[in-house]
């Protein structure tokens, strides 16, 4: 399974289990996050995430947040590799 397929499956599962998202006010998007989400990566994925984040001069958590936000918002771009 590819990383993008795994992420898609993860996000679909999270959104299904937390269907309250439909009632979220769009003005909440600009507020700092107060919720925490834990991810369990498969063996070897952490190393890949760290490498991809480093290539973009980002922390691994910041890279994953950008990746998830891009997916959820149907945006095409994640920060480019320098």
PDB file of N, CA and C in Angstrom:
ATOM      1  N   UNK A   1       0.849  -1.166   0.000  1.00  0.00           N
ATOM      2  CA  UNK A   1       0.000   0.000   0.000  1.00  0.00           C
ATOM      3  C   UNK A   1       0.902   1.239   0.000  1.00  0.00           C
ATOM      4  N   UNK A   2       0.609   2.180  -0.850  1.00  0.00           N
ATOM      5  CA  UNK A   2       1.414   3.398  -0.938  1.00  0.00           C
ATOM      6  C   UNK A   2       1.137   4.307   0.249  1.00  0.00           C
ATOM      7  N   UNK A   3       2.050   5.247   0.475  1.00  0.00           N
ATOM      8  CA  UNK A   3       1.876   6.199   1.569  1.00  0.00           C
ATOM      9  C   UNK A   3       0.617   7.035   1.384  1.00  0.00           C
ATOM     10  N   UNK A   4       0.357   7.452   0.148  1.00  0.00           N
ATOM     11  CA  UNK A   4      -0.830   8.279  -0.083  1.00  0.00           C
ATOM     12  C   UNK A   4      -2.112   7.476   0.131  1.00  0.00           C
ATOM     13  N   UNK A   5      -2.109   6.213  -0.254  1.00  0.00           N
ATOM     14  CA  UNK A   5      -3.286   5.375  -0.029  1.00  0.00           C
ATOM     15  C   UNK A   5      -3.504   5.151   1.462  1.00  0.00           C
ATOM     16  N   UNK A   6      -2.404   4.958   2.193  1.00  0.00           N
ATOM     17  CA  UNK A   6      -2.496   4.781   3.639  1.00  0.00           C
ATOM     18  C   UNK A   6      -3.042   6.040   4.299  1.00  0.00           C
ATOM     19  N   UNK A   7      -2.553   7.190   3.877  1.00  0.00           N
ATOM     20  CA  UNK A   7      -3.032   8.454   4.437  1.00  0.00           C
ATOM     21  C   UNK A   7      -4.504   8.679   4.102  1.00  0.00           C
ATOM     22  N   UNK A   8      -4.902   8.354   2.878  1.00  0.00           N
ATOM     23  CA  UNK A   8      -6.304   8.490   2.484  1.00  0.00           C
ATOM     24  C   UNK A   8      -7.191   7.615   3.360  1.00  0.00           C
ATOM     25  N   UNK A   9      -6.777   6.378   3.573  1.00  0.00           N
ATOM     26  CA  UNK A   9      -7.533   5.464   4.424  1.00  0.00           C
ATOM     27  C   UNK A   9      -7.615   6.004   5.849  1.00  0.00           C
ATOM     28  N   UNK A  10      -6.502   6.514   6.355  1.00  0.00           N
ATOM     29  CA  UNK A  10      -6.481   7.085   7.700  1.00  0.00           C
ATOM     30  C   UNK A  10      -7.452   8.248   7.817  1.00  0.00           C
ATOM     31  N   UNK A  11      -7.371   9.177   6.886  1.00  0.00           N
ATOM     32  CA  UNK A  11      -8.230  10.365   6.954  1.00  0.00           C
ATOM     33  C   UNK A  11      -9.706   9.997   6.796  1.00  0.00           C
ATOM     34  N   UNK A  12     -10.027   9.097   5.877  1.00  0.00           N
ATOM     35  CA  UNK A  12     -11.414   8.678   5.709  1.00  0.00           C
ATOM     36  C   UNK A  12     -11.956   8.053   6.987  1.00  0.00           C
ATOM     37  N   UNK A  13     -11.140   7.233   7.650  1.00  0.00           N
ATOM     38  CA  UNK A  13     -11.558   6.592   8.892  1.00  0.00           C
ATOM     39  C   UNK A  13     -11.783   7.624   9.988  1.00  0.00           C
ATOM     40  N   UNK A  14     -10.856   8.558  10.131  1.00  0.00           N
ATOM     41  CA  UNK A  14     -10.988   9.595  11.155  1.00  0.00           C
ATOM     42  C   UNK A  14     -12.221  10.442  10.898  1.00  0.00           C
ATOM     43  N   UNK A  15     -12.445  10.833   9.653  1.00  0.00           N
ATOM     44  CA  UNK A  15     -13.600  11.669   9.344  1.00  0.00           C
ATOM     45  C   UNK A  15     -14.917  10.928   9.544  1.00  0.00           C
ATOM     46  N   UNK A  16     -14.948   9.637   9.241  1.00  0.00           N
ATOM     47  CA  UNK A  16     -16.164   8.855   9.468  1.00  0.00           C
ATOM     48  C   UNK A  16     -16.480   8.755  10.957  1.00  0.00           C
ATOM     49  N   UNK A  17     -15.438   8.528  11.763  1.00  0.00           N
ATOM     50  CA  UNK A  17     -15.643   8.368  13.201  1.00  0.00           C
ATOM     51  C   UNK A  17     -15.941   9.691  13.899  1.00  0.00           C
ATOM     52  N   UNK A  18     -15.600  10.791  13.269  1.00  0.00           N
ATOM     53  CA  UNK A  18     -15.814  12.111  13.855  1.00  0.00           C
ATOM     54  C   UNK A  18     -16.670  12.943  12.912  1.00  0.00           C
ATOM     55  N   UNK A  19     -17.850  12.473  12.630  1.00  0.00           N
ATOM     56  CA  UNK A  19     -18.716  13.122  11.645  1.00  0.00           C
ATOM     57  C   UNK A  19     -19.222  14.487  12.092  1.00  0.00           C
ATOM     58  N   UNK A  20     -18.852  14.934  13.271  1.00  0.00           N
ATOM     59  CA  UNK A  20     -19.248  16.245  13.769  1.00  0.00           C
ATOM     60  C   UNK A  20     -18.604  17.348  12.927  1.00  0.00           C
ATOM     61  N   UNK A  21     -17.617  17.019  12.135  1.00  0.00           N
ATOM     62  CA  UNK A  21     -16.883  17.990  11.330  1.00  0.00           C
ATOM     63  C   UNK A  21     -17.819  18.817  10.465  1.00  0.00           C
ATOM     64  N   UNK A  22     -18.921  18.264  10.038  1.00  0.00           N
ATOM     65  CA  UNK A  22     -19.859  18.986   9.176  1.00  0.00           C
ATOM     66  C   UNK A  22     -20.397  20.236   9.855  1.00  0.00           C
ATOM     67  N   UNK A  23     -20.436  20.258  11.185  1.00  0.00           N
ATOM     68  CA  UNK A  23     -20.957  21.407  11.901  1.00  0.00           C
ATOM     69  C   UNK A  23     -19.900  22.430  12.284  1.00  0.00           C
ATOM     70  N   UNK A  24     -18.671  22.250  11.836  1.00  0.00           N
ATOM     71  CA  UNK A  24     -17.589  23.170  12.195  1.00  0.00           C
ATOM     72  C   UNK A  24     -17.736  24.475  11.434  1.00  0.00           C
ATOM     73  N   UNK A  25     -17.625  25.565  12.148  1.00  0.00           N
ATOM     74  CA  UNK A  25     -17.693  26.900  11.551  1.00  0.00           C
ATOM     75  C   UNK A  25     -16.384  27.181  10.830  1.00  0.00           C
ATOM     76  N   UNK A  26     -16.439  27.734   9.625  1.00  0.00           N
ATOM     77  CA  UNK A  26     -15.221  27.985   8.857  1.00  0.00           C
ATOM     78  C   UNK A  26     -14.310  28.994   9.537  1.00  0.00           C
ATOM     79  N   UNK A  27     -14.835  29.825  10.423  1.00  0.00           N
ATOM     80  CA  UNK A  27     -13.987  30.775  11.134  1.00  0.00           C
ATOM     81  C   UNK A  27     -13.060  30.065  12.112  1.00  0.00           C
ATOM     82  N   UNK A  28     -13.366  28.822  12.466  1.00  0.00           N
ATOM     83  CA  UNK A  28     -12.504  28.037  13.350  1.00  0.00           C
ATOM     84  C   UNK A  28     -11.196  27.656  12.677  1.00  0.00           C
ATOM     85  N   UNK A  29     -11.145  27.691  11.355  1.00  0.00           N
ATOM     86  CA  UNK A  29      -9.955  27.249  10.637  1.00  0.00           C
ATOM     87  C   UNK A  29      -8.747  28.122  10.909  1.00  0.00           C
ATOM     88  N   UNK A  30      -8.951  29.381  11.257  1.00  0.00           N
ATOM     89  CA  UNK A  30      -7.841  30.285  11.483  1.00  0.00           C
ATOM     90  C   UNK A  30      -7.353  30.282  12.929  1.00  0.00           C
ATOM     91  N   UNK A  31      -8.051  29.597  13.782  1.00  0.00           N
ATOM     92  CA  UNK A  31      -7.664  29.538  15.189  1.00  0.00           C
ATOM     93  C   UNK A  31      -6.589  28.472  15.396  1.00  0.00           C
ATOM     94  N   UNK A  32      -5.724  28.664  16.389  1.00  0.00           N
ATOM     95  CA  UNK A  32      -4.729  27.635  16.685  1.00  0.00           C
ATOM     96  C   UNK A  32      -5.427  26.339  17.104  1.00  0.00           C
ATOM     97  N   UNK A  33      -4.834  25.240  16.749  1.00  0.00           N
ATOM     98  CA  UNK A  33      -5.416  23.943  17.068  1.00  0.00           C
ATOM     99  C   UNK A  33      -5.331  23.666  18.560  1.00  0.00           C
ATOM    100  N   UNK A  34      -6.390  23.138  19.103  1.00  0.00           N
ATOM    101  CA  UNK A  34      -6.383  22.758  20.505  1.00  0.00           C
ATOM    102  C   UNK A  34      -6.592  21.250  20.656  1.00  0.00           C
ATOM    103  N   UNK A  35      -6.722  20.564  19.547  1.00  0.00           N
ATOM    104  CA  UNK A  35      -6.930  19.126  19.582  1.00  0.00           C
ATOM    105  C   UNK A  35      -5.660  18.399  19.205  1.00  0.00           C
ATOM    106  N   UNK A  36      -5.465  17.249  19.769  1.00  0.00           N
ATOM    107  CA  UNK A  36      -4.310  16.423  19.438  1.00  0.00           C
ATOM    108  C   UNK A  36      -4.810  15.156  18.765  1.00  0.00           C
ATOM    109  N   UNK A  37      -4.063  14.705  17.799  1.00  0.00           N
ATOM    110  CA  UNK A  37      -4.368  13.467  17.096  1.00  0.00           C
ATOM    111  C   UNK A  37      -3.115  12.609  17.129  1.00  0.00           C
ATOM    112  N   UNK A  38      -3.277  11.348  17.433  1.00  0.00           N
ATOM    113  CA  UNK A  38      -2.144  10.428  17.436  1.00  0.00           C
ATOM    114  C   UNK A  38      -2.203   9.570  16.190  1.00  0.00           C
ATOM    115  N   UNK A  39      -1.066   9.373  15.583  1.00  0.00           N
ATOM    116  CA  UNK A  39      -0.967   8.523  14.401  1.00  0.00           C
ATOM    117  C   UNK A  39      -0.046   7.358  14.717  1.00  0.00           C
ATOM    118  N   UNK A  40      -0.389   6.212  14.224  1.00  0.00           N
ATOM    119  CA  UNK A  40       0.494   5.059  14.342  1.00  0.00           C
ATOM    120  C   UNK A  40       0.990   4.738  12.949  1.00  0.00           C
ATOM    121  N   UNK A  41       2.269   4.898  12.771  1.00  0.00           N
ATOM    122  CA  UNK A  41       2.868   4.652  11.464  1.00  0.00           C
ATOM    123  C   UNK A  41       3.338   3.208  11.380  1.00  0.00           C
ATOM    124  N   UNK A  42       3.318   2.691  10.197  1.00  0.00           N
ATOM    125  CA  UNK A  42       3.834   1.348   9.988  1.00  0.00           C
ATOM    126  C   UNK A  42       5.355   1.393  10.004  1.00  0.00           C
ATOM    127  N   UNK A  43       5.942   0.223  10.225  1.00  0.00           N
ATOM    128  CA  UNK A  43       7.386   0.141  10.309  1.00  0.00           C
ATOM    129  C   UNK A  43       8.033   0.737   9.050  1.00  0.00           C
ATOM    130  N   UNK A  44       8.980   1.611   9.239  1.00  0.00           N
ATOM    131  CA  UNK A  44       9.677   2.231   8.126  1.00  0.00           C
ATOM    132  C   UNK A  44       9.076   3.548   7.680  1.00  0.00           C
ATOM    133  N   UNK A  45       7.804   3.802   8.001  1.00  0.00           N
ATOM    134  CA  UNK A  45       7.160   5.046   7.572  1.00  0.00           C
ATOM    135  C   UNK A  45       7.726   6.256   8.299  1.00  0.00           C
ATOM    136  N   UNK A  46       8.091   6.094   9.557  1.00  0.00           N
ATOM    137  CA  UNK A  46       8.646   7.226  10.315  1.00  0.00           C
ATOM    138  C   UNK A  46       9.923   7.719   9.650  1.00  0.00           C
ATOM    139  N   UNK A  47      10.772   6.775   9.239  1.00  0.00           N
ATOM    140  CA  UNK A  47      12.019   7.139   8.566  1.00  0.00           C
ATOM    141  C   UNK A  47      11.724   7.894   7.285  1.00  0.00           C
ATOM    142  N   UNK A  48      10.739   7.468   6.542  1.00  0.00           N
ATOM    143  CA  UNK A  48      10.371   8.145   5.287  1.00  0.00           C
ATOM    144  C   UNK A  48       9.810   9.538   5.550  1.00  0.00           C
ATOM    145  N   UNK A  49       8.973   9.660   6.577  1.00  0.00           N
ATOM    146  CA  UNK A  49       8.403  10.970   6.931  1.00  0.00           C
ATOM    147  C   UNK A  49       9.524  11.926   7.334  1.00  0.00           C
ATOM    148  N   UNK A  50      10.450  11.451   8.143  1.00  0.00           N
ATOM    149  CA  UNK A  50      11.565  12.287   8.582  1.00  0.00           C
ATOM    150  C   UNK A  50      12.386  12.742   7.377  1.00  0.00           C
ATOM    151  N   UNK A  51      12.648  11.849   6.442  1.00  0.00           N
ATOM    152  CA  UNK A  51      13.427  12.199   5.252  1.00  0.00           C
ATOM    153  C   UNK A  51      12.698  13.229   4.390  1.00  0.00           C
ATOM    154  N   UNK A  52      11.400  13.037   4.176  1.00  0.00           N
ATOM    155  CA  UNK A  52      10.633  13.976   3.359  1.00  0.00           C
ATOM    156  C   UNK A  52      10.520  15.342   4.032  1.00  0.00           C
ATOM    157  N   UNK A  53      10.339  15.343   5.344  1.00  0.00           N
ATOM    158  CA  UNK A  53      10.267  16.611   6.084  1.00  0.00           C
ATOM    159  C   UNK A  53      11.611  17.333   6.023  1.00  0.00           C
ATOM    160  N   UNK A  54      12.696  16.598   6.200  1.00  0.00           N
ATOM    161  CA  UNK A  54      14.032  17.199   6.156  1.00  0.00           C
ATOM    162  C   UNK A  54      14.314  17.801   4.784  1.00  0.00           C
ATOM    163  N   UNK A  55      13.856  17.146   3.727  1.00  0.00           N
ATOM    164  CA  UNK A  55      14.055  17.663   2.369  1.00  0.00           C
ATOM    165  C   UNK A  55      13.345  18.996   2.175  1.00  0.00           C
ATOM    166  N   UNK A  56      12.311  19.250   2.987  1.00  0.00           N
ATOM    167  CA  UNK A  56      11.555  20.502   2.895  1.00  0.00           C
ATOM    168  C   UNK A  56      11.913  21.454   4.031  1.00  0.00           C
ATOM    169  N   UNK A  57      12.953  21.086   4.805  1.00  0.00           N
ATOM    170  CA  UNK A  57      13.403  21.879   5.945  1.00  0.00           C
ATOM    171  C   UNK A  57      12.256  22.109   6.926  1.00  0.00           C
ATOM    172  N   UNK A  58      11.519  21.026   7.216  1.00  0.00           N
ATOM    173  CA  UNK A  58      10.383  21.079   8.131  1.00  0.00           C
ATOM    174  C   UNK A  58      10.562  20.037   9.222  1.00  0.00           C
ATOM    175  N   UNK A  59       9.868  20.241  10.336  1.00  0.00           N
ATOM    176  CA  UNK A  59       9.789  19.204  11.359  1.00  0.00           C
ATOM    177  C   UNK A  59       8.842  18.131  10.842  1.00  0.00           C
ATOM    178  N   UNK A  60       9.057  16.871  11.223  1.00  0.00           N
ATOM    179  CA  UNK A  60       8.164  15.797  10.750  1.00  0.00           C
ATOM    180  C   UNK A  60       6.689  16.053  11.065  1.00  0.00           C
ATOM    181  N   UNK A  61       6.381  16.542  12.263  1.00  0.00           N
ATOM    182  CA  UNK A  61       4.981  16.795  12.628  1.00  0.00           C
ATOM    183  C   UNK A  61       4.386  17.901  11.757  1.00  0.00           C
ATOM    184  N   UNK A  62       5.163  18.946  11.478  1.00  0.00           N
ATOM    185  CA  UNK A  62       4.676  20.039  10.629  1.00  0.00           C
ATOM    186  C   UNK A  62       4.424  19.543   9.209  1.00  0.00           C
ATOM    187  N   UNK A  63       5.297  18.668   8.718  1.00  0.00           N
ATOM    188  CA  UNK A  63       5.117  18.097   7.390  1.00  0.00           C
ATOM    189  C   UNK A  63       3.821  17.279   7.335  1.00  0.00           C
ATOM    190  N   UNK A  64       3.585  16.452   8.349  1.00  0.00           N
ATOM    191  CA  UNK A  64       2.371  15.640   8.362  1.00  0.00           C
ATOM    192  C   UNK A  64       1.124  16.503   8.459  1.00  0.00           C
ATOM    193  N   UNK A  65       1.170  17.577   9.253  1.00  0.00           N
ATOM    194  CA  UNK A  65       0.026  18.487   9.350  1.00  0.00           C
ATOM    195  C   UNK A  65      -0.256  19.112   7.985  1.00  0.00           C
ATOM    196  N   UNK A  66       0.803  19.576   7.300  1.00  0.00           N
ATOM    197  CA  UNK A  66       0.623  20.177   5.970  1.00  0.00           C
ATOM    198  C   UNK A  66       0.059  19.161   4.989  1.00  0.00           C
ATOM    199  N   UNK A  67       0.539  17.935   5.055  1.00  0.00           N
ATOM    200  CA  UNK A  67       0.073  16.878   4.160  1.00  0.00           C
ATOM    201  C   UNK A  67      -1.401  16.558   4.405  1.00  0.00           C
ATOM    202  N   UNK A  68      -1.776  16.433   5.654  1.00  0.00           N
ATOM    203  CA  UNK A  68      -3.163  16.118   6.002  1.00  0.00           C
ATOM    204  C   UNK A  68      -4.090  17.277   5.630  1.00  0.00           C
ATOM    205  N   UNK A  69      -3.672  18.513   5.942  1.00  0.00           N
ATOM    206  CA  UNK A  69      -4.509  19.674   5.585  1.00  0.00           C
ATOM    207  C   UNK A  69      -4.703  19.766   4.079  1.00  0.00           C
ATOM    208  N   UNK A  70      -3.644  19.530   3.313  1.00  0.00           N
ATOM    209  CA  UNK A  70      -3.754  19.571   1.854  1.00  0.00           C
ATOM    210  C   UNK A  70      -4.742  18.519   1.372  1.00  0.00           C
ATOM    211  N   UNK A  71      -4.702  17.342   1.967  1.00  0.00           N
ATOM    212  CA  UNK A  71      -5.619  16.263   1.565  1.00  0.00           C
ATOM    213  C   UNK A  71      -7.057  16.600   1.944  1.00  0.00           C
ATOM    214  N   UNK A  72      -7.263  17.027   3.175  1.00  0.00           N
ATOM    215  CA  UNK A  72      -8.615  17.298   3.668  1.00  0.00           C
ATOM    216  C   UNK A  72      -9.256  18.455   2.923  1.00  0.00           C
ATOM    217  N   UNK A  73      -8.466  19.454   2.587  1.00  0.00           N
ATOM    218  CA  UNK A  73      -8.998  20.635   1.906  1.00  0.00           C
ATOM    219  C   UNK A  73      -8.957  20.513   0.387  1.00  0.00           C
ATOM    220  N   UNK A  74      -8.542  19.366  -0.112  1.00  0.00           N
ATOM    221  CA  UNK A  74      -8.454  19.118  -1.558  1.00  0.00           C
ATOM    222  C   UNK A  74      -7.509  20.099  -2.239  1.00  0.00           C
ATOM    223  N   UNK A  75      -6.467  20.499  -1.522  1.00  0.00           N
ATOM    224  CA  UNK A  75      -5.446  21.351  -2.107  1.00  0.00           C
ATOM    225  C   UNK A  75      -4.390  20.452  -2.737  1.00  0.00           C
ATOM    226  N   UNK A  76      -3.818  20.894  -3.801  1.00  0.00           N
ATOM    227  CA  UNK A  76      -2.891  20.049  -4.536  1.00  0.00           C
ATOM    228  C   UNK A  76      -1.468  20.093  -3.997  1.00  0.00           C
ATOM    229  N   UNK A  77      -1.118  21.099  -3.199  1.00  0.00           N
ATOM    230  CA  UNK A  77       0.280  21.294  -2.887  1.00  0.00           C
ATOM    231  C   UNK A  77       0.650  21.048  -1.440  1.00  0.00           C
ATOM    232  N   UNK A  78       1.775  20.384  -1.282  1.00  0.00           N
ATOM    233  CA  UNK A  78       2.473  20.259  -0.020  1.00  0.00           C
ATOM    234  C   UNK A  78       3.747  21.053  -0.254  1.00  0.00           C
ATOM    235  N   UNK A  79       4.364  21.627   0.760  1.00  0.00           N
ATOM    236  CA  UNK A  79       5.569  22.411   0.515  1.00  0.00           C
ATOM    237  C   UNK A  79       6.560  21.672  -0.387  1.00  0.00           C
ATOM    238  N   UNK A  80       7.114  22.396  -1.344  1.00  0.00           N
ATOM    239  CA  UNK A  80       8.032  21.814  -2.320  1.00  0.00           C
ATOM    240  C   UNK A  80       9.373  21.498  -1.688  1.00  0.00           C
ATOM    241  N   UNK A  81      10.069  20.558  -2.300  1.00  0.00           N
ATOM    242  CA  UNK A  81      11.417  20.216  -1.886  1.00  0.00           C
ATOM    243  C   UNK A  81      12.344  21.328  -2.328  1.00  0.00           C
ATOM    244  N   UNK A  82      13.232  21.756  -1.418  1.00  0.00           N
ATOM    245  CA  UNK A  82      14.180  22.829  -1.774  1.00  0.00           C
ATOM    246  C   UNK A  82      15.225  22.341  -2.741  1.00  0.00           C
TER     247      UNK A  82
END
